[in-house]
Amino acid sequence: MSWLQNSTQWVSGNPVRSAFAAAGATAVIIPGVVVAPVLAVAGFGAQGIIGGSIAAGIQATIGNVAAGVFAIFQSAGMAGYGAGIVNGGVQIAGVVAAAAAAAVTGFKEPEDGDKDEKSPGNS
């Protein structure tokens, strides 16, 4: 059985673990795909805090934002210095998710009748 067939079979038999592995890999390779929509939904927009959003409600309770986590998210939403910090955090979370999926999975060895790439005659 080829590597592709083994992988396809494993993915179809392990949809939740596959999703975690795929999400982790996506977060590591292109964190903006994860970060941008989440920040936008929360209300951290390209022009600043979006009125009526969750972020606007939080800012209304904390007042002026000088520094801290909220300021980092606001900066990230505006593609400022915070983008690197938030994207880096998402990449770390992606590595953890992908590693956890791999650790609990342990790819199953091929059955006796199956050929793997190391078997003689399988080139």
Protein backbone atom coordinates (compact mmCIF):
# COMPACT_ATOMS: atom_id res chain seq x y z
CA MET A 1 0.00 0.00 0.00
CA SER A 2 1.45 3.38 -0.95
CA TRP A 3 2.12 6.22 1.43
CA LEU A 4 -0.75 8.21 -0.12
CA GLN A 5 -3.18 5.32 0.27
CA ASN A 6 -2.10 4.78 3.90
CA SER A 7 -2.50 8.48 4.62
CA THR A 8 -5.91 8.71 2.95
CA GLN A 9 -7.12 5.67 4.85
CA TRP A 10 -5.82 7.08 8.13
CA VAL A 11 -7.46 10.48 7.55
CA SER A 12 -10.84 8.90 6.77
CA GLY A 13 -10.59 6.75 9.89
CA ASN A 14 -9.43 9.60 12.15
CA PRO A 15 -11.35 12.75 11.16
CA VAL A 16 -10.98 14.59 14.48
CA ARG A 17 -7.25 13.98 14.78
CA SER A 18 -6.86 14.89 11.11
CA ALA A 19 -8.66 18.17 11.70
CA PHE A 20 -6.37 19.03 14.62
CA ALA A 21 -3.29 18.19 12.58
CA ALA A 22 -4.53 20.24 9.60
CA ALA A 23 -5.49 23.20 11.79
CA GLY A 24 -2.13 23.08 13.53
CA ALA A 25 -0.24 22.95 10.26
CA THR A 26 -2.29 25.83 8.83
CA ALA A 27 -1.65 27.95 11.93
CA VAL A 28 2.09 27.33 11.66
CA ILE A 29 2.44 27.89 7.92
CA ILE A 30 -0.02 30.76 7.38
CA PRO A 31 -1.16 32.14 10.76
CA GLY A 32 -2.89 35.12 9.13
CA VAL A 33 -5.56 32.78 7.81
CA VAL A 34 -6.47 32.04 11.43
CA VAL A 35 -5.73 35.42 13.03
CA ALA A 36 -7.38 37.92 10.65
CA PRO A 37 -10.93 36.51 10.75
CA VAL A 38 -10.85 36.01 14.52
CA LEU A 39 -9.65 39.56 15.13
CA ALA A 40 -12.27 40.94 12.74
CA VAL A 41 -15.10 39.00 14.40
CA ALA A 42 -13.94 40.22 17.81
CA GLY A 43 -13.98 43.82 16.52
CA PHE A 44 -10.31 44.61 15.94
CA GLY A 45 -10.53 46.11 12.45
CA ALA A 46 -8.06 47.63 10.02
CA GLN A 47 -9.26 51.16 10.91
CA GLY A 48 -9.40 50.51 14.66
CA ILE A 49 -12.02 49.17 17.02
CA ILE A 50 -15.32 48.41 15.28
CA GLY A 51 -18.30 50.09 16.94
CA GLY A 52 -20.76 47.78 18.67
CA SER A 53 -18.29 44.89 18.72
CA ILE A 54 -16.94 42.80 21.58
CA ALA A 55 -13.71 44.81 21.43
CA ALA A 56 -15.68 48.08 21.69
CA GLY A 57 -17.48 46.78 24.76
CA ILE A 58 -14.19 45.78 26.39
CA GLN A 59 -12.59 49.13 25.55
CA ALA A 60 -15.59 50.94 27.03
CA THR A 61 -14.97 49.19 30.35
CA ILE A 62 -11.19 49.67 30.47
CA GLY A 63 -11.01 53.21 29.10
CA ASN A 64 -7.89 54.51 27.36
CA VAL A 65 -5.59 51.74 26.19
CA ALA A 66 -1.92 52.49 26.79
CA ALA A 67 -0.31 49.07 26.79
CA GLY A 68 -1.11 45.43 27.38
CA VAL A 69 -2.91 42.59 25.67
CA PHE A 70 -5.79 44.71 24.37
CA ALA A 71 -3.35 47.13 22.73
CA ILE A 72 -1.51 44.22 21.09
CA PHE A 73 -4.78 42.87 19.64
CA GLN A 74 -5.75 46.36 18.48
CA SER A 75 -2.37 46.76 16.79
CA ALA A 76 -2.65 43.31 15.19
CA GLY A 77 -6.08 44.18 13.79
CA MET A 78 -4.52 47.24 12.19
CA ALA A 79 -1.55 45.21 10.83
CA GLY A 80 0.87 46.92 13.22
CA TYR A 81 3.53 45.53 15.56
CA GLY A 82 0.92 43.38 17.29
CA ALA A 83 0.46 41.27 14.16
CA GLY A 84 3.86 39.65 14.64
CA ILE A 85 3.16 38.95 18.30
CA VAL A 86 -0.30 37.48 17.71
CA ASN A 87 0.81 35.50 14.63
CA GLY A 88 3.74 34.10 16.63
CA GLY A 89 1.40 33.04 19.41
CA VAL A 90 -0.88 31.33 16.91
CA GLN A 91 2.11 29.55 15.36
CA ILE A 92 3.13 28.23 18.78
CA ALA A 93 -0.43 27.03 19.38
CA GLY A 94 -0.37 25.38 15.94
CA VAL A 95 2.82 23.50 16.76
CA VAL A 96 1.27 22.31 20.03
CA ALA A 97 -1.96 21.20 18.27
CA ALA A 98 -0.11 19.37 15.49
CA ALA A 99 2.28 17.72 17.98
CA ALA A 100 -0.60 16.65 20.21
CA ALA A 101 -2.43 15.15 17.24
CA ALA A 102 0.72 13.28 16.21
CA ALA A 103 1.51 12.12 19.77
CA VAL A 104 -1.89 10.60 20.42
CA THR A 105 -2.15 9.07 16.97
CA GLY A 106 0.83 6.83 16.37
CA PHE A 107 0.37 5.81 12.73
CA LYS A 108 -0.62 2.16 12.57
CA GLU A 109 1.86 -0.25 11.02
CA PRO A 110 0.72 -1.90 7.76
CA GLU A 111 -0.94 -5.30 8.01
CA ASP A 112 1.16 -8.37 7.08
CA GLY A 113 -0.26 -8.52 3.56
CA ASP A 114 0.28 -4.82 2.87
CA LYS A 115 3.46 -3.49 1.30
CA ASP A 116 5.08 -0.39 2.65
CA GLU A 117 7.76 1.74 1.04
CA LYS A 118 10.55 -0.27 2.73
CA SER A 119 9.35 -3.63 1.45
CA PRO A 120 11.45 -5.31 -1.26
CA GLY A 121 9.92 -5.02 -4.71
CA ASN A 122 7.94 -1.86 -3.89
CA SER A 123 9.65 0.90 -5.84
